[in-house]
Amino acid sequence: MRRLDQADRAFYRPATDRIHLPPRSSFKTADTIRATALHEVAHATGHPSRLDRDLAHPFGSVGYAKDELRAEIASLMIGDQLGIGHDPGQHAARLKSWVQLLKEDPKEILRASRDADKISNYVLEPEKGRVPTNMEKLPQVDRPAAPEKVGRQPAPP
């Protein structure tokens, strides 16, 4: 679901169900790439096989701004849970569309926060069986078993 094939922008494309990210070298820090990826993962939860949000809105539209707000809040929530920082500069770039959206409908922040909570739960709680089989799995990490310590007593039952 992820492709590192973009020169200068990150985005989720619903038609192909793919997240596109610039190469790692175009990010200032590891946290910046993680925060950006989380934002795009939040968008990807809108796919019909996941949380099924309406993602069919062109860039700059009210519908696009609504999903941007949801993805941004969710990525902040998820990042906080995982201990990943965020880049305030990215938020400032999107602020203008959010301000207009919230001026027109102040309760939109409540709906966006509710949806962001659903997104966060979906991403952070895959053990509840909500991760579809078509979602890319992370590779297993093989680690050697820790050697037994001499004289170690077994833990009480």
Protein backbone atom coordinates (compact mmCIF):
# COMPACT_ATOMS: atom_id res chain seq x y z
CA MET A 1 0.00 0.00 0.00
CA ARG A 2 3.04 2.31 0.20
CA ARG A 3 5.24 3.65 -2.57
CA LEU A 4 8.30 5.85 -2.23
CA ASP A 5 8.01 7.27 -5.70
CA GLN A 6 7.19 10.95 -5.42
CA ALA A 7 9.70 13.75 -5.80
CA ASP A 8 8.12 16.30 -3.48
CA ARG A 9 4.72 15.35 -2.15
CA ALA A 10 2.90 12.77 -0.11
CA PHE A 11 -0.64 11.65 -0.87
CA TYR A 12 -3.11 8.79 -0.70
CA ARG A 13 -4.77 7.77 -3.97
CA PRO A 14 -8.13 6.06 -3.27
CA ALA A 15 -8.52 4.69 -6.81
CA THR A 16 -5.44 2.49 -6.42
CA ASP A 17 -5.51 2.28 -2.61
CA ARG A 18 -1.88 3.42 -2.49
CA ILE A 19 0.05 5.82 -0.29
CA HIS A 20 2.73 7.75 -2.18
CA LEU A 21 5.63 9.30 -0.29
CA PRO A 22 8.74 11.21 -1.36
CA PRO A 23 12.09 9.49 -0.78
CA ARG A 24 13.30 9.40 2.83
CA SER A 25 16.10 11.82 1.96
CA SER A 26 13.57 14.61 1.34
CA PHE A 27 12.47 14.62 5.00
CA LYS A 28 14.32 16.55 7.72
CA THR A 29 13.96 13.90 10.41
CA ALA A 30 12.72 10.35 10.89
CA ASP A 31 9.81 11.75 12.92
CA THR A 32 8.80 13.96 10.00
CA ILE A 33 8.52 11.04 7.61
CA ARG A 34 6.63 9.02 10.23
CA ALA A 35 4.20 11.87 10.92
CA THR A 36 3.64 12.36 7.18
CA ALA A 37 3.09 8.64 6.68
CA LEU A 38 0.60 8.58 9.59
CA HIS A 39 -1.32 11.44 7.99
CA GLU A 40 -1.59 9.47 4.73
CA VAL A 41 -2.48 6.26 6.60
CA ALA A 42 -5.31 8.22 8.23
CA HIS A 43 -6.59 9.14 4.76
CA ALA A 44 -6.27 5.49 3.69
CA THR A 45 -8.64 4.40 6.45
CA GLY A 46 -11.38 6.10 4.43
CA HIS A 47 -11.21 3.35 1.79
CA PRO A 48 -14.51 1.41 1.42
CA SER A 49 -12.86 -1.76 2.80
CA ARG A 50 -11.92 0.10 6.00
CA LEU A 51 -13.90 2.96 7.60
CA ASP A 52 -15.58 3.98 4.33
CA ARG A 53 -15.47 7.79 4.34
CA ASP A 54 -16.33 9.85 1.26
CA LEU A 55 -12.93 10.60 -0.32
CA ALA A 56 -14.19 11.73 -3.75
CA HIS A 57 -13.49 15.44 -3.40
CA PRO A 58 -11.04 17.50 -5.47
CA PHE A 59 -8.12 19.36 -3.92
CA GLY A 60 -9.26 22.68 -2.43
CA SER A 61 -12.92 21.68 -1.99
CA VAL A 62 -14.83 21.70 1.30
CA GLY A 63 -15.00 17.88 1.27
CA TYR A 64 -11.22 17.68 0.78
CA ALA A 65 -10.66 20.10 3.68
CA LYS A 66 -12.92 17.98 5.90
CA ASP A 67 -10.90 14.82 5.32
CA GLU A 68 -7.65 16.77 5.73
CA LEU A 69 -8.84 17.93 9.14
CA ARG A 70 -9.74 14.36 10.13
CA ALA A 71 -6.42 12.98 8.90
CA GLU A 72 -4.46 15.70 10.67
CA ILE A 73 -6.21 15.26 14.01
CA ALA A 74 -5.90 11.46 13.74
CA SER A 75 -2.21 11.61 12.84
CA LEU A 76 -1.57 13.83 15.87
CA MET A 77 -3.49 11.41 18.11
CA ILE A 78 -1.71 8.35 16.74
CA GLY A 79 1.67 10.07 16.81
CA ASP A 80 1.13 11.04 20.43
CA GLN A 81 0.31 7.43 21.35
CA LEU A 82 3.40 6.17 19.50
CA GLY A 83 5.73 8.93 20.72
CA ILE A 84 6.24 10.38 17.24
CA GLY A 85 6.71 14.12 16.90
CA HIS A 86 4.96 16.35 14.41
CA ASP A 87 5.90 19.26 12.17
CA PRO A 88 3.91 22.43 13.03
CA GLY A 89 4.87 23.87 9.63
CA GLN A 90 2.75 21.24 7.91
CA HIS A 91 -0.24 22.20 10.03
CA ALA A 92 0.17 25.90 9.24
CA ALA A 93 0.08 25.18 5.51
CA ARG A 94 -3.38 23.58 5.88
CA LEU A 95 -4.74 26.04 8.42
CA LYS A 96 -6.39 28.42 5.93
CA SER A 97 -8.81 25.80 4.58
CA TRP A 98 -9.65 24.62 8.11
CA VAL A 99 -10.36 28.14 9.36
CA GLN A 100 -12.83 28.73 6.53
CA LEU A 101 -14.44 25.33 7.11
CA LEU A 102 -14.83 25.96 10.85
CA LYS A 103 -16.15 29.51 10.34
CA GLU A 104 -18.92 28.12 8.16
CA ASP A 105 -19.68 25.21 10.50
CA PRO A 106 -18.18 25.46 14.01
CA LYS A 107 -19.49 22.00 14.96
CA GLU A 108 -17.39 20.41 12.21
CA ILE A 109 -14.49 20.21 14.69
CA LEU A 110 -16.61 17.90 16.86
CA ARG A 111 -17.45 15.62 13.92
CA ALA A 112 -13.83 15.66 12.76
CA SER A 113 -12.58 14.78 16.25
CA ARG A 114 -15.08 11.91 16.52
CA ASP A 115 -13.95 10.55 13.14
CA ALA A 116 -10.28 11.06 14.07
CA ASP A 117 -10.87 8.98 17.18
CA LYS A 118 -12.34 6.19 15.02
CA ILE A 119 -9.32 6.43 12.70
CA SER A 120 -6.91 6.32 15.62
CA ASN A 121 -8.63 3.27 17.12
CA TYR A 122 -8.65 1.51 13.75
CA VAL A 123 -4.92 2.07 13.23
CA LEU A 124 -3.79 1.38 16.80
CA GLU A 125 -5.96 -1.65 17.53
CA PRO A 126 -5.40 -4.10 14.65
CA GLU A 127 -5.70 -7.07 17.01
CA LYS A 128 -9.47 -6.56 17.04
CA GLY A 129 -9.57 -7.95 13.50
CA ARG A 130 -10.17 -4.64 11.78
CA VAL A 131 -7.09 -4.69 9.56
CA PRO A 132 -8.13 -6.01 6.14
CA THR A 133 -6.05 -8.72 4.51
CA ASN A 134 -5.14 -6.39 1.63
CA MET A 135 -3.30 -4.03 4.00
CA GLU A 136 0.47 -4.40 3.82
CA LYS A 137 1.93 -6.32 6.77
CA LEU A 138 5.21 -5.36 8.37
CA PRO A 139 7.97 -7.99 8.16
CA GLN A 140 8.72 -10.08 11.21
CA VAL A 141 11.94 -9.30 13.04
CA ASP A 142 13.91 -12.40 13.96
CA ARG A 143 15.82 -11.99 17.18
CA PRO A 144 17.96 -14.58 18.90
CA ALA A 145 16.59 -15.83 22.19
CA ALA A 146 18.15 -14.28 25.26
CA PRO A 147 20.59 -16.65 27.00
CA GLU A 148 19.46 -18.05 30.33
CA LYS A 149 21.13 -16.46 33.34
CA VAL A 150 23.00 -18.79 35.66
CA GLY A 151 21.23 -19.32 38.95
CA ARG A 152 18.02 -17.70 37.73
CA GLN A 153 14.96 -18.76 39.68
CA PRO A 154 11.70 -19.39 37.85
CA ALA A 155 8.96 -16.83 38.41
CA PRO A 156 6.30 -17.84 40.94
CA PRO A 157 2.99 -19.01 39.38
